[in-house]
Amino acid sequence: MGIIEGLRASDVARSAGDFTGALRVIDTTLVTAGDDTALRLARVHLLREYGRLQESLAEVDDLLKKRPFLAEAHLASGFLRLLIGDWSQGWAQREWRWHRPEYRRIMPPSLPVWDGSNSPKLRLRVIHEQGLGDALQFCRFFPEVRQRVGSLEVETPPALRGLMTHAFPEIDSLVVPGAPSTADAWIGLMSLPE
């Protein structure tokens, strides 16, 4: 069985709720088709879904030894580390999302990334990077961030504008994602916990 067929067969088994069968297909395909990155990542994700977190983590760590710059493996590692409570490493690994094209497109091109330092004169832009639920989850960090910077400009989807206006007086200005900015630096909303 080839790599594409193996991935498809594994997805069919997984969709049917047969995680053991899905994992067996991936393992068989790894033997017949060779050590393929997509198969290894599929194995990492299956083990995680099946609740075998330590095995999944060992698999992704092994993959990272062979492919140290593979963003998808770092992201999988970060997610696993957050699941097991390794917050420091988990958040650090999740920063690899900025290596993916869909995230690089939303980075302000002419601004540096904020390093988290106390900068009383800094105008900081927090960029919206994922869905509304994530925005709601991570906006709780605004009060702490605002204590370290001079002003806080937050990208906010229209659906959350009213809530952000009333719930977070720390925000100096709300802008739609991608709008022009007068900030000195930026940070992604989901980078705030780090």
N, C-alpha and C. Protein backbone atom coordinates (compact mmCIF):
# COMPACT_ATOMS: atom_id res chain seq x y z
N MET A 1 0.85 -1.18 0.00
CA MET A 1 0.00 0.00 0.00
C MET A 1 0.90 1.24 0.00
N GLY A 2 0.56 2.18 -0.86
CA GLY A 2 1.32 3.43 -0.95
C GLY A 2 0.94 4.40 0.17
N ILE A 3 1.67 5.49 0.24
CA ILE A 3 1.47 6.47 1.31
C ILE A 3 0.08 7.09 1.25
N ILE A 4 -0.32 7.56 0.09
CA ILE A 4 -1.64 8.21 -0.05
C ILE A 4 -2.75 7.22 0.29
N GLU A 5 -2.64 6.01 -0.24
CA GLU A 5 -3.67 5.00 0.05
C GLU A 5 -3.70 4.66 1.53
N GLY A 6 -2.52 4.58 2.14
CA GLY A 6 -2.45 4.28 3.57
C GLY A 6 -3.10 5.36 4.42
N LEU A 7 -2.82 6.62 4.06
CA LEU A 7 -3.43 7.74 4.79
C LEU A 7 -4.95 7.73 4.62
N ARG A 8 -5.41 7.47 3.40
CA ARG A 8 -6.86 7.42 3.15
C ARG A 8 -7.51 6.27 3.91
N ALA A 9 -6.90 5.09 3.86
CA ALA A 9 -7.46 3.93 4.56
C ALA A 9 -7.49 4.17 6.07
N SER A 10 -6.47 4.81 6.58
CA SER A 10 -6.43 5.13 8.00
C SER A 10 -7.54 6.11 8.35
N ASP A 11 -7.75 7.12 7.50
CA ASP A 11 -8.83 8.10 7.74
C ASP A 11 -10.20 7.43 7.73
N VAL A 12 -10.39 6.47 6.84
CA VAL A 12 -11.67 5.76 6.77
C VAL A 12 -11.90 4.99 8.08
N ALA A 13 -10.88 4.27 8.53
CA ALA A 13 -11.00 3.52 9.78
C ALA A 13 -11.24 4.46 10.96
N ARG A 14 -10.51 5.57 11.00
CA ARG A 14 -10.68 6.54 12.08
C ARG A 14 -12.08 7.13 12.07
N SER A 15 -12.58 7.48 10.89
CA SER A 15 -13.94 8.04 10.77
C SER A 15 -15.00 7.06 11.24
N ALA A 16 -14.71 5.78 11.11
CA ALA A 16 -15.64 4.74 11.56
C ALA A 16 -15.48 4.45 13.05
N GLY A 17 -14.56 5.15 13.70
CA GLY A 17 -14.34 4.95 15.14
C GLY A 17 -13.38 3.82 15.44
N ASP A 18 -12.72 3.30 14.43
CA ASP A 18 -11.79 2.18 14.61
C ASP A 18 -10.36 2.72 14.70
N PHE A 19 -10.01 3.26 15.86
CA PHE A 19 -8.68 3.84 16.03
C PHE A 19 -7.59 2.78 15.98
N THR A 20 -7.88 1.59 16.49
CA THR A 20 -6.89 0.51 16.43
C THR A 20 -6.61 0.13 14.98
N GLY A 21 -7.66 0.03 14.18
CA GLY A 21 -7.50 -0.28 12.76
C GLY A 21 -6.78 0.84 12.03
N ALA A 22 -7.10 2.09 12.36
CA ALA A 22 -6.44 3.23 11.72
C ALA A 22 -4.95 3.23 12.02
N LEU A 23 -4.60 2.94 13.26
CA LEU A 23 -3.19 2.89 13.65
C LEU A 23 -2.49 1.71 12.97
N ARG A 24 -3.17 0.59 12.87
CA ARG A 24 -2.59 -0.59 12.22
C ARG A 24 -2.28 -0.28 10.75
N VAL A 25 -3.19 0.43 10.07
CA VAL A 25 -2.95 0.80 8.67
C VAL A 25 -1.73 1.70 8.55
N ILE A 26 -1.62 2.69 9.42
CA ILE A 26 -0.45 3.59 9.39
C ILE A 26 0.83 2.80 9.63
N ASP A 27 0.82 1.93 10.64
CA ASP A 27 2.02 1.16 10.95
C ASP A 27 2.42 0.24 9.79
N THR A 28 1.45 -0.40 9.16
CA THR A 28 1.72 -1.27 8.02
C THR A 28 2.26 -0.46 6.85
N THR A 29 1.69 0.69 6.62
CA THR A 29 2.15 1.54 5.52
C THR A 29 3.55 2.06 5.77
N LEU A 30 3.87 2.36 7.03
CA LEU A 30 5.23 2.78 7.36
C LEU A 30 6.24 1.68 7.03
N VAL A 31 5.85 0.43 7.25
CA VAL A 31 6.75 -0.69 6.96
C VAL A 31 6.91 -0.86 5.45
N THR A 32 5.79 -0.79 4.72
CA THR A 32 5.86 -1.06 3.28
C THR A 32 6.34 0.15 2.47
N ALA A 33 5.96 1.35 2.86
CA ALA A 33 6.28 2.54 2.06
C ALA A 33 7.50 3.29 2.58
N GLY A 34 7.95 2.99 3.76
CA GLY A 34 9.12 3.67 4.31
C GLY A 34 8.75 4.75 5.30
N ASP A 35 9.77 5.31 5.90
CA ASP A 35 9.62 6.31 6.96
C ASP A 35 9.23 7.65 6.35
N ASP A 36 7.94 7.87 6.20
CA ASP A 36 7.41 9.08 5.57
C ASP A 36 6.91 10.06 6.63
N THR A 37 7.18 11.35 6.43
CA THR A 37 6.80 12.37 7.40
C THR A 37 5.29 12.45 7.60
N ALA A 38 4.54 12.42 6.51
CA ALA A 38 3.07 12.50 6.63
C ALA A 38 2.52 11.32 7.41
N LEU A 39 3.07 10.14 7.18
CA LEU A 39 2.63 8.95 7.94
C LEU A 39 2.99 9.08 9.42
N ARG A 40 4.19 9.58 9.68
CA ARG A 40 4.62 9.74 11.07
C ARG A 40 3.73 10.74 11.80
N LEU A 41 3.41 11.86 11.13
CA LEU A 41 2.52 12.84 11.74
C LEU A 41 1.12 12.27 11.96
N ALA A 42 0.64 11.49 11.00
CA ALA A 42 -0.66 10.84 11.16
C ALA A 42 -0.64 9.92 12.37
N ARG A 43 0.46 9.23 12.56
CA ARG A 43 0.60 8.34 13.72
C ARG A 43 0.60 9.14 15.03
N VAL A 44 1.30 10.26 15.04
CA VAL A 44 1.32 11.14 16.22
C VAL A 44 -0.11 11.55 16.58
N HIS A 45 -0.86 12.00 15.57
CA HIS A 45 -2.23 12.48 15.82
C HIS A 45 -3.16 11.35 16.26
N LEU A 46 -3.01 10.18 15.65
CA LEU A 46 -3.85 9.04 16.06
C LEU A 46 -3.57 8.64 17.51
N LEU A 47 -2.31 8.54 17.86
CA LEU A 47 -1.97 8.18 19.23
C LEU A 47 -2.53 9.19 20.22
N ARG A 48 -2.46 10.47 19.87
CA ARG A 48 -3.02 11.52 20.73
C ARG A 48 -4.54 11.33 20.86
N GLU A 49 -5.22 11.16 19.74
CA GLU A 49 -6.68 10.99 19.77
C GLU A 49 -7.08 9.75 20.56
N TYR A 50 -6.25 8.73 20.50
CA TYR A 50 -6.53 7.48 21.19
C TYR A 50 -6.19 7.58 22.68
N GLY A 51 -5.64 8.73 23.11
CA GLY A 51 -5.33 8.94 24.52
C GLY A 51 -3.98 8.40 24.94
N ARG A 52 -3.18 8.01 23.99
CA ARG A 52 -1.85 7.47 24.29
C ARG A 52 -0.83 8.60 24.15
N LEU A 53 -0.92 9.55 25.08
CA LEU A 53 -0.17 10.80 24.97
C LEU A 53 1.34 10.61 25.06
N GLN A 54 1.80 9.77 25.95
CA GLN A 54 3.25 9.58 26.08
C GLN A 54 3.84 8.92 24.83
N GLU A 55 3.12 7.96 24.26
CA GLU A 55 3.58 7.34 23.02
C GLU A 55 3.60 8.36 21.89
N SER A 56 2.57 9.19 21.84
CA SER A 56 2.49 10.22 20.81
C SER A 56 3.64 11.20 20.96
N LEU A 57 3.92 11.60 22.18
CA LEU A 57 5.02 12.53 22.45
C LEU A 57 6.37 11.91 22.07
N ALA A 58 6.57 10.64 22.39
CA ALA A 58 7.82 9.96 22.02
C ALA A 58 7.95 9.91 20.49
N GLU A 59 6.85 9.65 19.81
CA GLU A 59 6.86 9.60 18.34
C GLU A 59 7.23 10.95 17.74
N VAL A 60 6.61 12.02 18.25
CA VAL A 60 6.89 13.34 17.68
C VAL A 60 8.31 13.79 18.05
N ASP A 61 8.78 13.45 19.23
CA ASP A 61 10.16 13.80 19.60
C ASP A 61 11.15 13.09 18.68
N ASP A 62 10.87 11.83 18.35
CA ASP A 62 11.73 11.09 17.42
C ASP A 62 11.70 11.73 16.04
N LEU A 63 10.53 12.14 15.60
CA LEU A 63 10.40 12.80 14.31
C LEU A 63 11.19 14.12 14.29
N LEU A 64 11.15 14.87 15.39
CA LEU A 64 11.87 16.13 15.46
C LEU A 64 13.39 15.94 15.46
N LYS A 65 13.86 14.79 15.92
CA LYS A 65 15.30 14.52 15.84
C LYS A 65 15.72 14.42 14.37
N LYS A 66 14.85 13.86 13.55
CA LYS A 66 15.16 13.69 12.13
C LYS A 66 14.83 14.93 11.31
N ARG A 67 13.80 15.66 11.73
CA ARG A 67 13.34 16.84 10.99
C ARG A 67 13.18 18.01 11.96
N PRO A 68 14.28 18.59 12.44
CA PRO A 68 14.22 19.60 13.51
C PRO A 68 13.52 20.90 13.13
N PHE A 69 13.31 21.15 11.85
CA PHE A 69 12.68 22.39 11.43
C PHE A 69 11.27 22.17 10.87
N LEU A 70 10.68 21.04 11.17
CA LEU A 70 9.34 20.72 10.68
C LEU A 70 8.30 21.36 11.59
N ALA A 71 7.71 22.44 11.12
CA ALA A 71 6.76 23.21 11.94
C ALA A 71 5.60 22.34 12.41
N GLU A 72 5.08 21.49 11.55
CA GLU A 72 3.94 20.65 11.94
C GLU A 72 4.28 19.75 13.13
N ALA A 73 5.50 19.25 13.17
CA ALA A 73 5.90 18.40 14.29
C ALA A 73 6.04 19.23 15.57
N HIS A 74 6.59 20.43 15.46
CA HIS A 74 6.68 21.30 16.64
C HIS A 74 5.29 21.65 17.16
N LEU A 75 4.37 21.93 16.25
CA LEU A 75 3.00 22.26 16.67
C LEU A 75 2.34 21.07 17.36
N ALA A 76 2.54 19.88 16.81
CA ALA A 76 1.98 18.68 17.44
C ALA A 76 2.61 18.47 18.81
N SER A 77 3.91 18.68 18.92
CA SER A 77 4.60 18.55 20.20
C SER A 77 4.05 19.55 21.21
N GLY A 78 3.84 20.79 20.76
CA GLY A 78 3.30 21.81 21.65
C GLY A 78 1.93 21.45 22.16
N PHE A 79 1.08 20.97 21.28
CA PHE A 79 -0.27 20.59 21.68
C PHE A 79 -0.22 19.45 22.70
N LEU A 80 0.62 18.47 22.45
CA LEU A 80 0.76 17.35 23.38
C LEU A 80 1.29 17.81 24.74
N ARG A 81 2.28 18.68 24.72
CA ARG A 81 2.86 19.16 25.97
C ARG A 81 1.85 19.98 26.78
N LEU A 82 1.00 20.74 26.09
CA LEU A 82 -0.06 21.45 26.80
C LEU A 82 -1.04 20.46 27.42
N LEU A 83 -1.35 19.39 26.69
CA LEU A 83 -2.28 18.38 27.21
C LEU A 83 -1.76 17.70 28.47
N ILE A 84 -0.44 17.52 28.55
CA ILE A 84 0.11 16.84 29.74
C ILE A 84 0.54 17.83 30.83
N GLY A 85 0.31 19.13 30.58
CA GLY A 85 0.60 20.13 31.60
C GLY A 85 2.00 20.72 31.57
N ASP A 86 2.76 20.46 30.52
CA ASP A 86 4.09 21.05 30.37
C ASP A 86 3.91 22.40 29.67
N TRP A 87 3.45 23.39 30.44
CA TRP A 87 3.04 24.68 29.88
C TRP A 87 4.19 25.40 29.18
N SER A 88 5.33 25.47 29.81
CA SER A 88 6.44 26.23 29.25
C SER A 88 6.85 25.71 27.87
N GLN A 89 7.11 24.43 27.78
CA GLN A 89 7.49 23.85 26.49
C GLN A 89 6.33 23.83 25.50
N GLY A 90 5.13 23.61 26.02
CA GLY A 90 3.96 23.58 25.15
C GLY A 90 3.74 24.90 24.43
N TRP A 91 3.75 26.01 25.19
CA TRP A 91 3.55 27.32 24.56
C TRP A 91 4.71 27.66 23.64
N ALA A 92 5.92 27.33 24.04
CA ALA A 92 7.08 27.63 23.19
C ALA A 92 6.98 26.88 21.85
N GLN A 93 6.60 25.62 21.90
CA GLN A 93 6.47 24.85 20.65
C GLN A 93 5.34 25.37 19.77
N ARG A 94 4.28 25.87 20.38
CA ARG A 94 3.15 26.39 19.60
C ARG A 94 3.54 27.65 18.82
N GLU A 95 4.63 28.31 19.20
CA GLU A 95 5.09 29.48 18.45
C GLU A 95 5.54 29.12 17.03
N TRP A 96 5.76 27.84 16.78
CA TRP A 96 6.15 27.41 15.44
C TRP A 96 5.05 27.64 14.41
N ARG A 97 3.86 28.00 14.87
CA ARG A 97 2.78 28.29 13.91
C ARG A 97 3.16 29.43 13.00
N TRP A 98 4.02 30.33 13.47
CA TRP A 98 4.42 31.49 12.67
C TRP A 98 5.29 31.11 11.48
N HIS A 99 5.70 29.86 11.39
CA HIS A 99 6.45 29.37 10.23
C HIS A 99 5.52 28.89 9.12
N ARG A 100 4.25 28.76 9.42
CA ARG A 100 3.29 28.30 8.42
C ARG A 100 2.81 29.48 7.58
N PRO A 101 2.60 29.26 6.27
CA PRO A 101 2.23 30.36 5.37
C PRO A 101 0.97 31.11 5.80
N GLU A 102 -0.04 30.42 6.28
CA GLU A 102 -1.27 31.11 6.65
C GLU A 102 -1.08 32.05 7.83
N TYR A 103 -0.09 31.79 8.66
CA TYR A 103 0.22 32.69 9.77
C TYR A 103 1.18 33.80 9.34
N ARG A 104 2.10 33.47 8.47
CA ARG A 104 3.04 34.49 7.99
C ARG A 104 2.29 35.61 7.28
N ARG A 105 1.17 35.28 6.63
CA ARG A 105 0.38 36.29 5.92
C ARG A 105 -0.24 37.32 6.86
N ILE A 106 -0.49 36.96 8.11
CA ILE A 106 -1.15 37.90 9.02
C ILE A 106 -0.17 38.67 9.90
N MET A 107 1.11 38.36 9.77
CA MET A 107 2.13 39.07 10.54
C MET A 107 2.30 40.49 9.98
N PRO A 108 2.28 41.52 10.83
CA PRO A 108 2.55 42.87 10.33
C PRO A 108 3.97 42.93 9.76
N PRO A 109 4.11 43.24 8.48
CA PRO A 109 5.43 43.12 7.82
C PRO A 109 6.50 44.08 8.32
N SER A 110 6.13 45.24 8.81
CA SER A 110 7.16 46.21 9.16
C SER A 110 7.36 46.40 10.66
N LEU A 111 6.72 45.54 11.46
CA LEU A 111 6.83 45.68 12.92
C LEU A 111 7.59 44.51 13.53
N PRO A 112 8.38 44.77 14.56
CA PRO A 112 9.02 43.67 15.27
C PRO A 112 8.03 42.98 16.21
N VAL A 113 8.35 41.76 16.57
CA VAL A 113 7.54 41.02 17.55
C VAL A 113 7.92 41.52 18.94
N TRP A 114 6.93 41.77 19.76
CA TRP A 114 7.17 42.20 21.14
C TRP A 114 7.78 41.05 21.92
N ASP A 115 8.79 41.35 22.73
CA ASP A 115 9.49 40.32 23.50
C ASP A 115 8.91 40.13 24.91
N GLY A 116 7.85 40.84 25.24
CA GLY A 116 7.21 40.69 26.54
C GLY A 116 7.79 41.57 27.63
N SER A 117 8.78 42.36 27.29
CA SER A 117 9.43 43.19 28.30
C SER A 117 8.56 44.37 28.72
N ASN A 118 8.87 44.92 29.89
CA ASN A 118 8.20 46.15 30.33
C ASN A 118 8.69 47.29 29.45
N SER A 119 7.76 47.90 28.76
CA SER A 119 8.08 48.98 27.83
C SER A 119 7.00 50.04 27.94
N PRO A 120 7.11 50.95 28.93
CA PRO A 120 6.03 51.89 29.22
C PRO A 120 5.64 52.82 28.07
N LYS A 121 6.48 52.99 27.08
CA LYS A 121 6.14 53.87 25.95
C LYS A 121 5.74 53.09 24.70
N LEU A 122 5.81 51.78 24.75
CA LEU A 122 5.54 50.95 23.56
C LEU A 122 4.05 50.93 23.21
N ARG A 123 3.78 51.11 21.93
CA ARG A 123 2.43 50.93 21.40
C ARG A 123 2.37 49.52 20.82
N LEU A 124 1.61 48.65 21.47
CA LEU A 124 1.56 47.23 21.11
C LEU A 124 0.28 46.90 20.36
N ARG A 125 0.43 46.15 19.29
CA ARG A 125 -0.72 45.63 18.55
C ARG A 125 -0.82 44.13 18.82
N VAL A 126 -1.99 43.70 19.28
CA VAL A 126 -2.27 42.28 19.47
C VAL A 126 -3.07 41.84 18.25
N ILE A 127 -2.52 40.88 17.51
CA ILE A 127 -3.21 40.47 16.29
C ILE A 127 -4.12 39.27 16.53
N HIS A 128 -5.26 39.34 15.88
CA HIS A 128 -6.24 38.25 15.92
C HIS A 128 -5.75 37.19 14.95
N GLU A 129 -5.63 35.95 15.43
CA GLU A 129 -5.04 34.93 14.56
C GLU A 129 -5.89 33.70 14.35
N GLN A 130 -6.89 33.46 15.19
CA GLN A 130 -7.68 32.26 15.00
C GLN A 130 -9.16 32.60 15.16
N GLY A 131 -9.94 31.72 15.75
CA GLY A 131 -11.38 31.91 15.81
C GLY A 131 -11.86 32.75 16.98
N LEU A 132 -13.17 32.94 17.01
CA LEU A 132 -13.78 33.74 18.08
C LEU A 132 -13.58 33.11 19.45
N GLY A 133 -13.69 31.80 19.53
CA GLY A 133 -13.50 31.11 20.81
C GLY A 133 -12.11 31.32 21.38
N ASP A 134 -11.12 31.25 20.51
CA ASP A 134 -9.74 31.50 20.96
C ASP A 134 -9.58 32.94 21.41
N ALA A 135 -10.21 33.86 20.68
CA ALA A 135 -10.13 35.27 21.08
C ALA A 135 -10.72 35.45 22.48
N LEU A 136 -11.85 34.82 22.74
CA LEU A 136 -12.47 34.92 24.07
C LEU A 136 -11.59 34.28 25.14
N GLN A 137 -10.97 33.18 24.80
CA GLN A 137 -10.13 32.47 25.77
C GLN A 137 -8.89 33.28 26.17
N PHE A 138 -8.27 33.97 25.21
CA PHE A 138 -6.98 34.60 25.48
C PHE A 138 -7.06 36.09 25.80
N CYS A 139 -8.22 36.69 25.67
CA CYS A 139 -8.33 38.11 26.00
C CYS A 139 -8.17 38.36 27.50
N ARG A 140 -8.22 37.33 28.30
CA ARG A 140 -8.04 37.51 29.75
C ARG A 140 -6.64 38.01 30.11
N PHE A 141 -5.71 37.93 29.15
CA PHE A 141 -4.36 38.39 29.40
C PHE A 141 -4.18 39.89 29.15
N PHE A 142 -5.19 40.56 28.61
CA PHE A 142 -5.05 41.99 28.30
C PHE A 142 -4.68 42.85 29.50
N PRO A 143 -5.30 42.66 30.68
CA PRO A 143 -4.93 43.52 31.81
C PRO A 143 -3.44 43.43 32.17
N GLU A 144 -2.90 42.20 32.18
CA GLU A 144 -1.48 42.03 32.51
C GLU A 144 -0.58 42.65 31.44
N VAL A 145 -0.93 42.44 30.17
CA VAL A 145 -0.14 43.00 29.09
C VAL A 145 -0.15 44.53 29.16
N ARG A 146 -1.32 45.08 29.39
CA ARG A 146 -1.47 46.54 29.40
C ARG A 146 -0.60 47.18 30.49
N GLN A 147 -0.34 46.46 31.57
CA GLN A 147 0.52 46.99 32.63
C GLN A 147 1.98 47.12 32.19
N ARG A 148 2.35 46.44 31.12
CA ARG A 148 3.74 46.44 30.67
C ARG A 148 4.01 47.31 29.44
N VAL A 149 2.95 47.85 28.84
CA VAL A 149 3.15 48.66 27.64
C VAL A 149 2.44 50.00 27.77
N GLY A 150 2.76 50.93 26.87
CA GLY A 150 2.16 52.26 26.90
C GLY A 150 0.74 52.29 26.37
N SER A 151 0.49 51.55 25.31
CA SER A 151 -0.87 51.49 24.78
C SER A 151 -1.10 50.14 24.12
N LEU A 152 -2.37 49.76 24.08
CA LEU A 152 -2.75 48.44 23.59
C LEU A 152 -3.78 48.58 22.47
N GLU A 153 -3.37 48.17 21.29
CA GLU A 153 -4.23 48.16 20.11
C GLU A 153 -4.55 46.69 19.83
N VAL A 154 -5.84 46.36 19.75
CA VAL A 154 -6.24 44.96 19.62
C VAL A 154 -7.06 44.76 18.35
N GLU A 155 -6.63 43.82 17.53
CA GLU A 155 -7.43 43.42 16.38
C GLU A 155 -8.62 42.62 16.88
N THR A 156 -9.81 43.04 16.49
CA THR A 156 -11.02 42.39 16.97
C THR A 156 -12.02 42.20 15.84
N PRO A 157 -12.48 40.98 15.64
CA PRO A 157 -13.54 40.77 14.64
C PRO A 157 -14.79 41.56 15.05
N PRO A 158 -15.57 42.02 14.09
CA PRO A 158 -16.77 42.79 14.42
C PRO A 158 -17.70 42.12 15.43
N ALA A 159 -17.79 40.80 15.40
CA ALA A 159 -18.68 40.09 16.31
C ALA A 159 -18.30 40.26 17.77
N LEU A 160 -17.05 40.58 18.05
CA LEU A 160 -16.58 40.72 19.44
C LEU A 160 -16.35 42.17 19.86
N ARG A 161 -16.57 43.08 18.98
CA ARG A 161 -16.25 44.49 19.25
C ARG A 161 -16.97 45.03 20.50
N GLY A 162 -18.27 44.79 20.61
CA GLY A 162 -19.02 45.29 21.76
C GLY A 162 -18.51 44.70 23.07
N LEU A 163 -18.29 43.40 23.07
CA LEU A 163 -17.79 42.73 24.28
C LEU A 163 -16.43 43.28 24.68
N MET A 164 -15.53 43.41 23.72
CA MET A 164 -14.19 43.90 24.03
C MET A 164 -14.24 45.34 24.55
N THR A 165 -15.09 46.15 23.96
CA THR A 165 -15.21 47.55 24.38
C THR A 165 -15.64 47.65 25.83
N HIS A 166 -16.60 46.84 26.24
CA HIS A 166 -17.16 46.94 27.59
C HIS A 166 -16.40 46.11 28.63
N ALA A 167 -15.81 45.02 28.22
CA ALA A 167 -15.18 44.12 29.19
C ALA A 167 -13.72 44.43 29.47
N PHE A 168 -13.06 45.14 28.55
CA PHE A 168 -11.62 45.35 28.70
C PHE A 168 -11.26 46.82 28.55
N PRO A 169 -11.36 47.57 29.64
CA PRO A 169 -11.01 49.00 29.57
C PRO A 169 -9.51 49.22 29.31
N GLU A 170 -8.72 48.17 29.43
CA GLU A 170 -7.27 48.28 29.19
C GLU A 170 -6.96 48.52 27.71
N ILE A 171 -7.89 48.18 26.84
CA ILE A 171 -7.68 48.34 25.41
C ILE A 171 -7.81 49.82 25.05
N ASP A 172 -6.79 50.34 24.40
CA ASP A 172 -6.81 51.74 23.98
C ASP A 172 -7.51 51.92 22.64
N SER A 173 -7.37 50.93 21.75
CA SER A 173 -8.07 51.01 20.47
C SER A 173 -8.34 49.62 19.93
N LEU A 174 -9.50 49.50 19.30
CA LEU A 174 -9.89 48.26 18.63
C LEU A 174 -9.85 48.50 17.13
N VAL A 175 -9.27 47.56 16.41
CA VAL A 175 -9.20 47.67 14.95
C VAL A 175 -9.60 46.33 14.35
N VAL A 176 -10.07 46.37 13.12
CA VAL A 176 -10.39 45.11 12.44
C VAL A 176 -9.09 44.43 12.04
N PRO A 177 -9.08 43.09 12.01
CA PRO A 177 -7.85 42.40 11.62
C PRO A 177 -7.32 42.88 10.28
N GLY A 178 -6.02 43.14 10.26
CA GLY A 178 -5.36 43.58 9.04
C GLY A 178 -5.39 45.07 8.78
N ALA A 179 -6.09 45.84 9.62
CA ALA A 179 -6.16 47.30 9.42
C ALA A 179 -4.79 47.93 9.64
N PRO A 180 -4.54 49.09 9.02
CA PRO A 180 -3.27 49.79 9.25
C PRO A 180 -3.06 50.08 10.74
N SER A 181 -1.81 50.16 11.13
CA SER A 181 -1.49 50.31 12.54
C SER A 181 -0.48 51.42 12.78
N THR A 182 -0.54 51.98 13.97
CA THR A 182 0.47 52.95 14.41
C THR A 182 1.32 52.35 15.52
N ALA A 183 1.24 51.03 15.70
CA ALA A 183 1.96 50.36 16.78
C ALA A 183 3.46 50.31 16.52
N ASP A 184 4.21 50.06 17.59
CA ASP A 184 5.66 49.91 17.52
C ASP A 184 6.08 48.44 17.42
N ALA A 185 5.21 47.56 17.90
CA ALA A 185 5.51 46.12 17.92
C ALA A 185 4.19 45.37 17.91
N TRP A 186 4.27 44.07 17.68
CA TRP A 186 3.07 43.24 17.65
C TRP A 186 3.31 41.93 18.38
N ILE A 187 2.21 41.28 18.72
CA ILE A 187 2.25 39.93 19.26
C ILE A 187 0.94 39.25 18.88
N GLY A 188 1.00 37.95 18.67
CA GLY A 188 -0.20 37.19 18.39
C GLY A 188 -1.00 36.97 19.66
N LEU A 189 -2.30 37.01 19.55
CA LEU A 189 -3.17 36.83 20.71
C LEU A 189 -2.85 35.55 21.48
N MET A 190 -2.58 34.46 20.73
CA MET A 190 -2.32 33.19 21.40
C MET A 190 -0.88 33.05 21.87
N SER A 191 -0.09 34.10 21.70
CA SER A 191 1.27 34.11 22.24
C SER A 191 1.30 34.77 23.62
N LEU A 192 0.20 35.36 24.04
CA LEU A 192 0.18 36.08 25.31
C LEU A 192 0.48 35.20 26.54
N PRO A 193 0.04 33.94 26.59
CA PRO A 193 0.36 33.14 27.79
C PRO A 193 1.85 32.88 27.97
N GLU A 194 2.60 32.88 26.91
CA GLU A 194 4.01 32.55 27.00
C GLU A 194 4.72 33.64 27.72
